[in-house]
N, C-alpha and C. Protein backbone atom coordinates (compact mmCIF):
# COMPACT_ATOMS: atom_id res chain seq x y z
N MET A 1 -59.47 6.10 -2.12
CA MET A 1 -58.30 5.17 -1.61
C MET A 1 -57.26 5.13 -2.51
N GLY A 2 -57.54 5.32 -3.95
CA GLY A 2 -56.55 5.13 -4.99
C GLY A 2 -55.30 6.20 -4.65
N ASP A 3 -55.55 7.58 -3.86
CA ASP A 3 -54.71 8.24 -3.75
C ASP A 3 -53.82 7.90 -2.52
N GLY A 4 -54.42 7.22 -1.58
CA GLY A 4 -53.56 6.39 -0.39
C GLY A 4 -52.54 5.41 -1.19
N LEU A 5 -53.14 4.69 -1.77
CA LEU A 5 -52.46 3.37 -2.45
C LEU A 5 -51.27 4.03 -3.32
N GLN A 6 -51.67 5.08 -4.00
CA GLN A 6 -50.73 5.42 -4.98
C GLN A 6 -49.62 6.09 -4.38
N SER A 7 -50.06 6.74 -3.28
CA SER A 7 -48.99 7.34 -2.17
C SER A 7 -48.03 6.18 -1.41
N ALA A 8 -48.77 5.27 -1.15
CA ALA A 8 -47.84 4.19 -0.26
C ALA A 8 -47.03 3.35 -1.43
N GLY A 9 -47.50 3.37 -2.58
CA GLY A 9 -46.58 2.64 -3.56
C GLY A 9 -45.61 3.41 -4.19
N HIS A 10 -45.81 4.85 -3.89
CA HIS A 10 -44.45 5.84 -4.37
C HIS A 10 -43.72 5.62 -3.41
N HIS A 11 -43.88 5.58 -2.00
CA HIS A 11 -42.83 5.44 -1.07
C HIS A 11 -42.25 4.00 -1.04
N MET A 12 -42.84 2.81 -1.48
CA MET A 12 -42.33 1.63 -1.75
C MET A 12 -41.19 1.74 -2.79
N ASP A 13 -41.58 2.27 -3.99
CA ASP A 13 -40.74 2.44 -5.08
C ASP A 13 -39.69 3.53 -4.73
N VAL A 14 -39.48 4.28 -3.93
CA VAL A 14 -38.38 4.77 -3.23
C VAL A 14 -37.71 4.06 -2.91
N TYR A 15 -38.15 3.09 -1.91
CA TYR A 15 -37.40 2.13 -1.05
C TYR A 15 -36.55 1.27 -1.75
N ALA A 16 -37.50 0.68 -2.86
CA ALA A 16 -37.06 -0.30 -3.79
C ALA A 16 -35.81 0.00 -4.56
N ALA A 17 -35.79 1.37 -5.07
CA ALA A 17 -34.77 1.94 -5.64
C ALA A 17 -33.47 2.23 -4.83
N SER A 18 -33.86 2.19 -3.59
CA SER A 18 -32.46 2.52 -2.86
C SER A 18 -31.78 1.04 -2.51
N ILE A 19 -32.23 0.31 -2.62
CA ILE A 19 -31.80 -1.59 -2.39
C ILE A 19 -30.63 -1.39 -3.53
N ASP A 20 -30.80 -1.07 -4.55
CA ASP A 20 -29.54 -1.18 -5.69
C ASP A 20 -28.27 -0.28 -4.98
N ASP A 21 -28.62 0.77 -4.28
CA ASP A 21 -27.23 1.49 -3.82
C ASP A 21 -26.85 0.85 -2.46
N ILE A 22 -27.85 0.19 -1.95
CA ILE A 22 -27.30 -0.42 -0.83
C ILE A 22 -26.41 -1.80 -1.09
N LEU A 23 -27.15 -2.42 -2.17
CA LEU A 23 -26.37 -3.73 -2.84
C LEU A 23 -24.76 -3.52 -3.14
N GLU A 24 -24.76 -2.09 -3.92
CA GLU A 24 -23.54 -1.76 -4.70
C GLU A 24 -22.58 -1.44 -3.26
N GLU A 25 -23.01 -0.70 -2.29
CA GLU A 25 -22.32 -0.29 -1.25
C GLU A 25 -21.86 -1.72 -0.32
N GLU A 26 -22.89 -2.57 -0.25
CA GLU A 26 -22.15 -3.84 0.24
C GLU A 26 -21.09 -4.84 -0.50
N GLU A 27 -21.34 -4.53 -2.04
CA GLU A 27 -20.19 -5.23 -2.87
C GLU A 27 -19.10 -4.45 -2.54
N HIS A 28 -19.02 -3.11 -2.12
CA HIS A 28 -17.59 -2.35 -1.98
C HIS A 28 -17.03 -3.00 -0.68
N TYR A 29 -17.79 -3.13 0.32
CA TYR A 29 -17.05 -3.86 1.77
C TYR A 29 -16.85 -5.29 1.40
N ALA A 30 -17.57 -5.98 0.62
CA ALA A 30 -17.05 -7.48 0.27
C ALA A 30 -15.69 -7.34 -0.47
N ASP A 31 -15.61 -6.50 -1.27
CA ASP A 31 -14.41 -6.38 -1.83
C ASP A 31 -13.23 -5.92 -0.90
N GLN A 32 -13.32 -5.22 -0.07
CA GLN A 32 -12.43 -4.89 1.11
C GLN A 32 -12.13 -6.16 1.57
N LEU A 33 -13.03 -7.01 1.83
CA LEU A 33 -12.75 -8.08 2.71
C LEU A 33 -11.94 -9.21 1.80
N LYS A 34 -12.45 -9.29 0.63
CA LYS A 34 -11.64 -10.07 -0.43
C LYS A 34 -10.21 -9.72 -0.51
N GLU A 35 -9.98 -8.43 -0.53
CA GLU A 35 -8.54 -8.06 -0.62
C GLU A 35 -7.81 -8.43 0.57
N TYR A 36 -8.09 -8.63 1.82
CA TYR A 36 -7.50 -9.31 2.95
C TYR A 36 -7.17 -10.83 2.35
N LEU A 37 -8.41 -11.34 1.93
CA LEU A 37 -7.72 -12.69 1.49
C LEU A 37 -6.75 -13.02 0.50
N PHE A 38 -6.67 -12.19 -0.18
CA PHE A 38 -5.25 -11.91 -1.03
C PHE A 38 -3.97 -11.46 -0.16
N TYR A 39 -4.12 -11.03 0.79
CA TYR A 39 -3.08 -10.74 1.73
C TYR A 39 -2.70 -11.95 2.41
N ALA A 40 -3.64 -12.55 2.88
CA ALA A 40 -3.45 -13.83 3.70
C ALA A 40 -2.79 -14.95 2.97
N GLU A 41 -3.27 -14.78 1.37
CA GLU A 41 -2.38 -15.98 0.75
C GLU A 41 -0.84 -15.33 0.31
N ALA A 42 -0.58 -14.08 0.55
CA ALA A 42 0.83 -13.52 0.55
C ALA A 42 1.66 -13.79 1.67
N LEU A 43 0.92 -13.81 2.84
CA LEU A 43 1.58 -14.11 3.77
C LEU A 43 1.90 -15.78 3.87
N ARG A 44 1.08 -16.40 3.58
CA ARG A 44 1.30 -17.69 3.15
C ARG A 44 2.41 -18.42 2.43
N ALA A 45 2.28 -17.58 1.25
CA ALA A 45 3.57 -17.67 0.47
C ALA A 45 5.05 -17.43 1.23
N VAL A 46 5.05 -16.39 2.14
CA VAL A 46 6.17 -16.00 2.74
C VAL A 46 6.51 -17.10 3.71
N CYS A 47 5.63 -17.71 4.31
CA CYS A 47 5.69 -18.62 5.17
C CYS A 47 6.35 -20.03 4.50
N ARG A 48 5.70 -20.15 3.14
CA ARG A 48 6.23 -21.49 2.54
C ARG A 48 7.65 -21.09 2.07
N LYS A 49 7.90 -19.79 1.62
CA LYS A 49 9.43 -19.37 1.44
C LYS A 49 10.52 -19.63 2.64
N HIS A 50 10.03 -19.51 3.60
CA HIS A 50 10.83 -19.85 4.86
C HIS A 50 10.88 -20.85 5.17
N GLU A 51 9.84 -21.73 5.11
CA GLU A 51 9.97 -23.20 5.25
C GLU A 51 11.17 -23.79 4.21
N LEU A 52 11.26 -23.55 3.09
CA LEU A 52 12.15 -23.75 1.76
C LEU A 52 13.40 -23.52 2.16
N MET A 53 13.55 -21.93 2.85
CA MET A 53 14.82 -21.89 3.36
C MET A 53 15.41 -22.63 4.29
N GLN A 54 14.62 -22.67 5.33
CA GLN A 54 14.71 -23.63 6.26
C GLN A 54 15.54 -25.17 5.91
N TYR A 55 14.70 -25.68 4.92
CA TYR A 55 15.02 -26.87 4.44
C TYR A 55 16.12 -26.78 3.84
N ASP A 56 16.48 -26.07 3.10
CA ASP A 56 17.87 -25.93 2.43
C ASP A 56 19.12 -25.80 3.48
N LEU A 57 18.62 -24.93 4.41
CA LEU A 57 19.65 -24.85 5.53
C LEU A 57 20.06 -26.39 6.01
N GLU A 58 19.08 -26.68 6.49
CA GLU A 58 18.98 -28.48 7.29
C GLU A 58 19.76 -29.23 6.32
N MET A 59 19.48 -29.24 4.99
CA MET A 59 20.34 -30.21 3.84
C MET A 59 21.69 -29.83 3.96
N ALA A 60 21.97 -28.63 3.72
CA ALA A 60 23.52 -27.94 3.78
C ALA A 60 24.08 -28.37 4.90
N ALA A 61 23.34 -28.16 5.92
CA ALA A 61 24.04 -28.53 7.49
C ALA A 61 24.28 -30.22 7.50
N GLN A 62 23.44 -31.08 7.07
CA GLN A 62 23.37 -32.27 6.91
C GLN A 62 24.37 -32.79 5.94
N ASP A 63 24.61 -32.33 4.86
CA ASP A 63 25.91 -32.72 3.80
C ASP A 63 27.07 -32.02 4.43
N LEU A 64 27.13 -31.18 5.37
CA LEU A 64 28.60 -30.81 5.68
C LEU A 64 28.92 -31.89 6.81
N THR A 65 27.93 -32.25 7.45
CA THR A 65 28.38 -33.35 8.76
C THR A 65 28.71 -34.51 8.10
N SER A 66 28.08 -34.95 6.77
CA SER A 66 28.42 -36.09 6.09
C SER A 66 29.65 -35.69 5.70
N LYS A 67 30.08 -34.80 5.08
CA LYS A 67 31.68 -34.67 4.41
C LYS A 67 32.76 -34.81 5.53
N LYS A 68 32.12 -34.39 7.01
CA LYS A 68 33.29 -34.07 7.69
C LYS A 68 33.49 -35.51 8.26
N GLN A 69 32.34 -36.31 8.35
CA GLN A 69 32.49 -37.63 8.79
C GLN A 69 33.18 -38.46 7.67
N GLN A 70 33.07 -38.36 6.66
CA GLN A 70 33.94 -38.88 5.54
C GLN A 70 35.62 -38.55 5.53
N CYS A 71 35.51 -37.31 5.87
CA CYS A 71 36.95 -36.90 5.86
C CYS A 71 37.62 -37.49 7.18
N GLU A 72 36.98 -37.75 8.26
CA GLU A 72 37.63 -38.29 9.54
C GLU A 72 37.62 -39.87 9.25
N GLU A 73 36.94 -40.51 8.36
CA GLU A 73 36.99 -41.72 8.15
C GLU A 73 38.21 -42.00 7.54
N LEU A 74 38.53 -41.24 6.19
CA LEU A 74 39.38 -41.38 5.61
C LEU A 74 40.87 -41.17 6.34
N ALA A 75 40.92 -40.23 7.18
CA ALA A 75 42.07 -39.67 7.95
C ALA A 75 42.45 -40.98 8.85
N THR A 76 41.31 -41.26 9.44
CA THR A 76 41.74 -42.52 10.46
C THR A 76 41.74 -44.04 9.82
N GLY A 77 41.13 -44.27 8.82
CA GLY A 77 41.04 -45.17 7.96
C GLY A 77 40.24 -46.19 8.66
N THR A 78 39.23 -45.75 9.47
CA THR A 78 38.14 -46.72 9.83
C THR A 78 36.69 -46.23 9.53
N VAL A 79 35.93 -47.11 9.09
CA VAL A 79 34.28 -47.11 8.64
C VAL A 79 33.40 -47.41 9.62
N ARG A 80 32.83 -46.32 10.45
CA ARG A 80 31.90 -46.53 11.47
C ARG A 80 30.44 -47.17 10.84
N THR A 81 30.24 -46.80 9.49
CA THR A 81 29.04 -47.20 9.19
C THR A 81 28.91 -48.12 8.17
N PHE A 82 27.97 -48.84 7.68
CA PHE A 82 27.97 -49.83 6.76
C PHE A 82 27.63 -49.15 5.65
N SER A 83 28.66 -49.25 4.45
CA SER A 83 28.63 -48.24 3.38
C SER A 83 29.14 -48.95 2.02
N LEU A 84 28.67 -48.26 0.91
CA LEU A 84 29.30 -48.79 -0.14
C LEU A 84 31.02 -48.93 -0.27
N LYS A 85 31.53 -47.73 0.25
CA LYS A 85 32.77 -47.30 0.30
C LYS A 85 33.68 -48.44 0.98
N GLY A 86 32.86 -48.76 2.46
CA GLY A 86 33.48 -49.72 3.27
C GLY A 86 33.41 -51.09 2.76
N MET A 87 32.68 -51.40 2.00
CA MET A 87 32.48 -52.73 1.33
C MET A 87 33.42 -52.94 0.28
N THR A 88 33.58 -51.92 -0.49
CA THR A 88 34.68 -51.87 -1.82
C THR A 88 36.12 -51.84 -1.22
N SER A 89 36.36 -51.20 0.05
CA SER A 89 37.69 -51.55 0.30
C SER A 89 37.98 -52.72 1.08
N LYS A 90 36.98 -53.30 1.62
CA LYS A 90 37.21 -54.85 2.39
C LYS A 90 37.26 -55.64 0.79
N LEU A 91 36.40 -55.82 -0.26
CA LEU A 91 36.58 -56.43 -0.97
C LEU A 91 37.99 -56.17 -1.99
N PHE A 92 38.33 -54.96 -2.50
CA PHE A 92 39.23 -54.58 -3.18
C PHE A 92 40.54 -54.33 -2.67
N GLY A 93 40.46 -53.92 -1.38
CA GLY A 93 41.77 -53.54 -0.72
C GLY A 93 41.76 -51.94 -0.41
N GLN A 94 42.52 -51.76 0.11
CA GLN A 94 42.90 -50.08 0.64
C GLN A 94 43.19 -49.57 -0.33
N GLU A 95 42.85 -48.01 -0.30
CA GLU A 95 43.48 -46.98 -1.24
C GLU A 95 45.00 -46.90 -0.81
N THR A 96 45.68 -46.35 -1.97
CA THR A 96 47.19 -45.96 -1.78
C THR A 96 47.04 -44.73 -0.60
N PRO A 97 48.32 -44.57 -0.21
CA PRO A 97 48.16 -43.15 0.76
C PRO A 97 48.05 -42.10 -0.13
N GLU A 98 48.46 -41.95 -1.08
CA GLU A 98 48.50 -40.66 -2.21
C GLU A 98 46.97 -40.58 -2.49
N GLN A 99 46.30 -41.57 -2.83
CA GLN A 99 44.88 -41.64 -3.12
C GLN A 99 44.03 -40.70 -2.11
N ARG A 100 44.60 -41.67 -0.84
CA ARG A 100 43.54 -41.04 0.18
C ARG A 100 43.98 -39.68 0.77
N GLU A 101 45.05 -39.14 0.59
CA GLU A 101 45.36 -37.69 0.79
C GLU A 101 44.85 -36.87 -0.34
N ALA A 102 44.67 -37.20 -1.34
CA ALA A 102 43.80 -36.54 -2.36
C ALA A 102 42.71 -36.30 -2.14
N LYS A 103 41.91 -37.37 -1.82
CA LYS A 103 40.63 -37.67 -1.33
C LYS A 103 40.22 -36.68 -0.11
N ILE A 104 41.24 -36.75 0.84
CA ILE A 104 41.05 -35.83 1.87
C ILE A 104 41.23 -34.53 1.68
N LYS A 105 42.03 -34.18 0.89
CA LYS A 105 42.10 -32.57 0.36
C LYS A 105 40.98 -32.26 -0.42
N VAL A 106 40.54 -32.63 -1.03
CA VAL A 106 39.15 -32.59 -1.75
C VAL A 106 37.94 -32.33 -0.92
N LEU A 107 37.78 -33.39 0.13
CA LEU A 107 36.80 -33.13 1.07
C LEU A 107 36.95 -32.02 2.04
N GLU A 108 38.15 -31.69 2.59
CA GLU A 108 38.37 -30.54 3.16
C GLU A 108 37.95 -28.95 2.31
N GLU A 109 38.32 -29.22 1.06
CA GLU A 109 37.77 -28.13 0.12
C GLU A 109 36.17 -27.93 0.36
N GLN A 110 35.65 -29.15 0.29
CA GLN A 110 34.18 -29.21 0.00
C GLN A 110 33.59 -28.89 1.40
N ILE A 111 34.37 -29.23 2.47
CA ILE A 111 33.83 -28.96 3.91
C ILE A 111 33.96 -27.31 4.06
N GLN A 112 35.04 -27.04 3.68
CA GLN A 112 35.33 -25.49 3.65
C GLN A 112 34.34 -24.75 3.08
N GLU A 113 33.76 -25.22 1.81
CA GLU A 113 33.04 -24.24 1.11
C GLU A 113 31.27 -24.64 1.61
N GLY A 114 31.12 -25.90 2.16
CA GLY A 114 30.23 -26.37 2.97
C GLY A 114 29.82 -25.38 4.15
N GLU A 115 30.95 -24.82 4.95
CA GLU A 115 30.91 -24.07 5.83
C GLU A 115 30.26 -22.76 5.47
N GLU A 116 31.08 -22.26 4.50
CA GLU A 116 30.86 -21.19 3.92
C GLU A 116 29.34 -20.86 3.57
N GLN A 117 28.80 -22.14 2.80
CA GLN A 117 27.43 -21.93 2.38
C GLN A 117 26.62 -22.09 3.42
N LEU A 118 26.84 -22.74 4.44
CA LEU A 118 26.18 -22.88 5.57
C LEU A 118 25.82 -21.28 6.36
N LYS A 119 26.98 -20.76 6.40
CA LYS A 119 27.09 -19.38 7.25
C LYS A 119 26.26 -18.46 6.16
N SER A 120 26.16 -18.57 4.86
CA SER A 120 25.42 -17.58 3.81
C SER A 120 24.05 -17.73 4.25
N LYS A 121 23.63 -19.30 4.21
CA LYS A 121 22.34 -19.53 4.27
C LYS A 121 21.55 -19.05 5.55
N ASN A 122 22.43 -19.48 6.68
CA ASN A 122 21.99 -18.66 8.07
C ASN A 122 21.97 -17.42 7.87
N LEU A 123 22.75 -16.54 7.42
CA LEU A 123 22.53 -15.17 7.29
C LEU A 123 21.39 -14.57 6.51
N GLU A 124 21.51 -15.27 5.25
CA GLU A 124 20.12 -15.18 4.37
C GLU A 124 18.68 -15.24 5.15
N GLY A 125 18.87 -16.55 6.09
CA GLY A 125 17.55 -16.72 6.69
C GLY A 125 17.22 -16.12 7.85
N ARG A 126 18.32 -15.21 8.39
CA ARG A 126 17.99 -14.26 9.60
C ARG A 126 17.50 -12.97 8.79
N ASP A 127 18.05 -12.78 7.62
CA ASP A 127 17.64 -11.26 7.17
C ASP A 127 16.24 -11.47 6.48
N PHE A 128 16.09 -12.60 6.19
CA PHE A 128 14.39 -12.93 5.63
C PHE A 128 13.61 -12.63 6.53
N VAL A 129 14.04 -13.44 7.72
CA VAL A 129 12.84 -13.43 8.85
C VAL A 129 12.55 -12.11 9.37
N GLN A 130 13.62 -11.40 9.65
CA GLN A 130 13.71 -9.89 9.93
C GLN A 130 12.68 -9.16 9.07
N SER A 131 12.69 -9.06 7.66
CA SER A 131 12.20 -8.32 6.99
C SER A 131 10.82 -8.90 6.88
N ALA A 132 10.57 -10.30 6.80
CA ALA A 132 9.25 -10.74 6.70
C ALA A 132 8.38 -10.66 7.98
N TRP A 133 9.13 -10.55 9.24
CA TRP A 133 8.29 -9.97 10.57
C TRP A 133 8.17 -8.62 10.50
N ALA A 134 8.60 -7.92 10.21
CA ALA A 134 8.49 -6.41 10.02
C ALA A 134 7.31 -6.06 9.04
N ASP A 135 7.13 -6.87 8.05
CA ASP A 135 6.01 -6.96 6.94
C ASP A 135 4.60 -7.43 7.68
N ILE A 136 5.09 -8.44 8.35
CA ILE A 136 3.54 -9.19 8.95
C ILE A 136 3.22 -8.32 10.11
N GLU A 137 4.09 -7.58 10.84
CA GLU A 137 3.66 -6.63 11.98
C GLU A 137 2.85 -5.40 11.25
N ARG A 138 3.41 -4.94 10.10
CA ARG A 138 2.72 -3.84 9.32
C ARG A 138 1.69 -4.16 9.07
N PHE A 139 1.40 -5.54 8.31
CA PHE A 139 -0.10 -5.99 7.93
C PHE A 139 -0.92 -6.01 8.93
N LYS A 140 -0.31 -6.59 10.11
CA LYS A 140 -1.54 -6.70 11.42
C LYS A 140 -2.08 -5.55 11.79
N GLU A 141 -1.30 -4.47 11.75
CA GLU A 141 -1.79 -3.30 12.37
C GLU A 141 -2.49 -2.47 11.39
N GLN A 142 -2.30 -2.72 9.94
CA GLN A 142 -3.11 -2.34 8.86
C GLN A 142 -4.40 -2.94 8.80
N LYS A 143 -4.30 -4.35 9.02
CA LYS A 143 -5.43 -5.02 8.86
C LYS A 143 -6.48 -4.61 9.85
N ASN A 144 -5.93 -4.40 11.33
CA ASN A 144 -6.88 -4.09 12.57
C ASN A 144 -7.44 -2.80 11.91
N HIS A 145 -6.66 -1.65 11.60
CA HIS A 145 -7.34 -0.35 11.39
C HIS A 145 -8.48 -0.49 10.36
N ASP A 146 -7.98 -1.31 9.03
CA ASP A 146 -8.74 -1.33 8.03
C ASP A 146 -9.90 -2.26 8.22
N LEU A 147 -9.99 -3.30 9.06
CA LEU A 147 -11.36 -4.03 9.23
C LEU A 147 -12.16 -3.43 10.48
N LYS A 148 -11.66 -2.58 11.04
CA LYS A 148 -12.33 -1.99 12.10
C LYS A 148 -13.22 -0.91 11.25
N GLU A 149 -12.39 -0.02 10.64
CA GLU A 149 -13.14 0.93 9.79
C GLU A 149 -14.37 0.38 8.58
N ALA A 150 -13.81 -0.65 8.15
CA ALA A 150 -14.74 -1.34 7.26
C ALA A 150 -16.21 -2.04 7.88
N LEU A 151 -15.83 -2.29 9.05
CA LEU A 151 -17.08 -3.01 9.80
C LEU A 151 -17.90 -1.84 10.41
N ILE A 152 -17.42 -0.66 10.82
CA ILE A 152 -17.93 0.13 11.40
C ILE A 152 -18.75 0.99 10.24
N SER A 153 -18.16 1.14 9.04
CA SER A 153 -18.88 1.68 8.12
C SER A 153 -20.00 0.81 7.51
N TYR A 154 -20.03 -0.73 7.69
CA TYR A 154 -20.77 -1.44 7.28
C TYR A 154 -22.12 -1.20 8.21
N ALA A 155 -21.49 -1.24 9.57
CA ALA A 155 -22.83 -1.19 10.62
C ALA A 155 -23.47 0.21 10.29
N VAL A 156 -22.96 1.49 9.98
CA VAL A 156 -23.32 2.41 10.00
C VAL A 156 -24.49 2.49 8.57
N MET A 157 -23.92 1.69 7.51
CA MET A 157 -24.69 1.38 6.33
C MET A 157 -26.08 0.96 6.83
N GLN A 158 -26.01 -0.45 7.72
CA GLN A 158 -27.16 -1.40 7.92
C GLN A 158 -28.15 -0.30 8.67
N ILE A 159 -27.68 0.67 9.58
CA ILE A 159 -28.36 1.36 10.43
C ILE A 159 -29.13 2.37 9.63
N SER A 160 -28.57 2.97 8.28
CA SER A 160 -29.20 3.87 7.62
C SER A 160 -30.15 3.20 6.90
N MET A 161 -30.00 1.91 6.24
CA MET A 161 -31.11 1.24 5.77
C MET A 161 -32.21 0.84 6.41
N CYS A 162 -31.83 0.47 7.70
CA CYS A 162 -33.11 0.24 8.69
C CYS A 162 -33.79 1.45 8.83
N LYS A 163 -33.11 2.41 9.17
CA LYS A 163 -33.98 3.84 9.30
C LYS A 163 -34.99 4.29 7.88
N LYS A 164 -34.50 3.89 6.76
CA LYS A 164 -34.97 4.20 5.87
C LYS A 164 -36.28 3.27 5.86
N GLY A 165 -35.95 2.04 5.95
CA GLY A 165 -37.16 1.18 6.09
C GLY A 165 -38.28 1.51 7.18
N ILE A 166 -37.89 1.87 8.18
CA ILE A 166 -38.73 2.34 9.29
C ILE A 166 -39.38 3.52 8.56
N GLN A 167 -38.85 4.32 8.16
CA GLN A 167 -39.40 5.89 7.67
C GLN A 167 -40.31 5.24 6.43
N VAL A 168 -40.17 4.33 5.67
CA VAL A 168 -40.89 4.02 4.27
C VAL A 168 -42.22 3.27 4.99
N TRP A 169 -42.00 2.38 5.93
CA TRP A 169 -43.20 1.55 6.55
C TRP A 169 -44.11 2.34 7.25
N THR A 170 -43.35 3.43 8.01
CA THR A 170 -44.33 4.61 8.87
C THR A 170 -44.98 5.63 7.69
N ASN A 171 -44.40 5.83 6.67
CA ASN A 171 -45.14 6.71 5.70
C ASN A 171 -46.41 6.02 5.09
N ALA A 172 -46.08 4.88 4.66
CA ALA A 172 -46.88 3.65 3.96
C ALA A 172 -48.10 3.32 5.22
N LYS A 173 -47.56 3.46 6.28
CA LYS A 173 -48.93 3.13 7.60
C LYS A 173 -49.70 4.40 7.45
N GLU A 174 -49.18 5.52 7.31
CA GLU A 174 -50.00 6.77 7.45
C GLU A 174 -50.82 6.82 6.20
N CYS A 175 -50.18 6.48 4.99
CA CYS A 175 -50.97 6.42 3.93
C CYS A 175 -52.14 5.52 4.06
N PHE A 176 -52.16 4.41 4.58
CA PHE A 176 -53.25 3.15 4.60
C PHE A 176 -54.15 3.87 5.75
N SER A 177 -53.81 4.43 6.85
CA SER A 177 -54.72 5.05 7.72
C SER A 177 -55.30 6.08 7.27
N LYS A 178 -55.12 6.63 6.29
CA LYS A 178 -55.86 7.93 5.78
C LYS A 178 -57.15 7.18 5.05
N MET A 179 -56.81 5.97 4.49
CA MET A 179 -57.71 5.58 3.60
C MET A 179 -59.29 5.29 4.17
């Protein structure tokens, strides 16, 4: 009976020793999945950058619209909205034509700079979106390939582990049946 128990114990020891290798292999697959978590964080950062660029573009467009409205108001002499400028002109009187022309000239220069800035931000945004889209598509293709490969390898490892377990229990059963 001792020989049978010793033989069954030997088979169990071999199986127990293989568990460390299996855990190490599982750790490798977990590391591959963690790597994709970091890639996802990088993609999130790209999306945040795009949102910030879009916000800058919208603010530049809003500033340009505001300056155009100010220029139009100065040129026509009418104030359409309730503002500090409108109130000061009512309280302290209108500006001289020279002052108004100087302000109009400054505003026209600012409008021209704003339009150039808006064009450059639009171009920068389009370039960023094109390069980011290419990176995202490349990531998707690589992700699908890598995850498929990792999951297949993990399944093969699980099948191998199960076959070892079956073999160990079969050998142990034979040892116990010889007793």
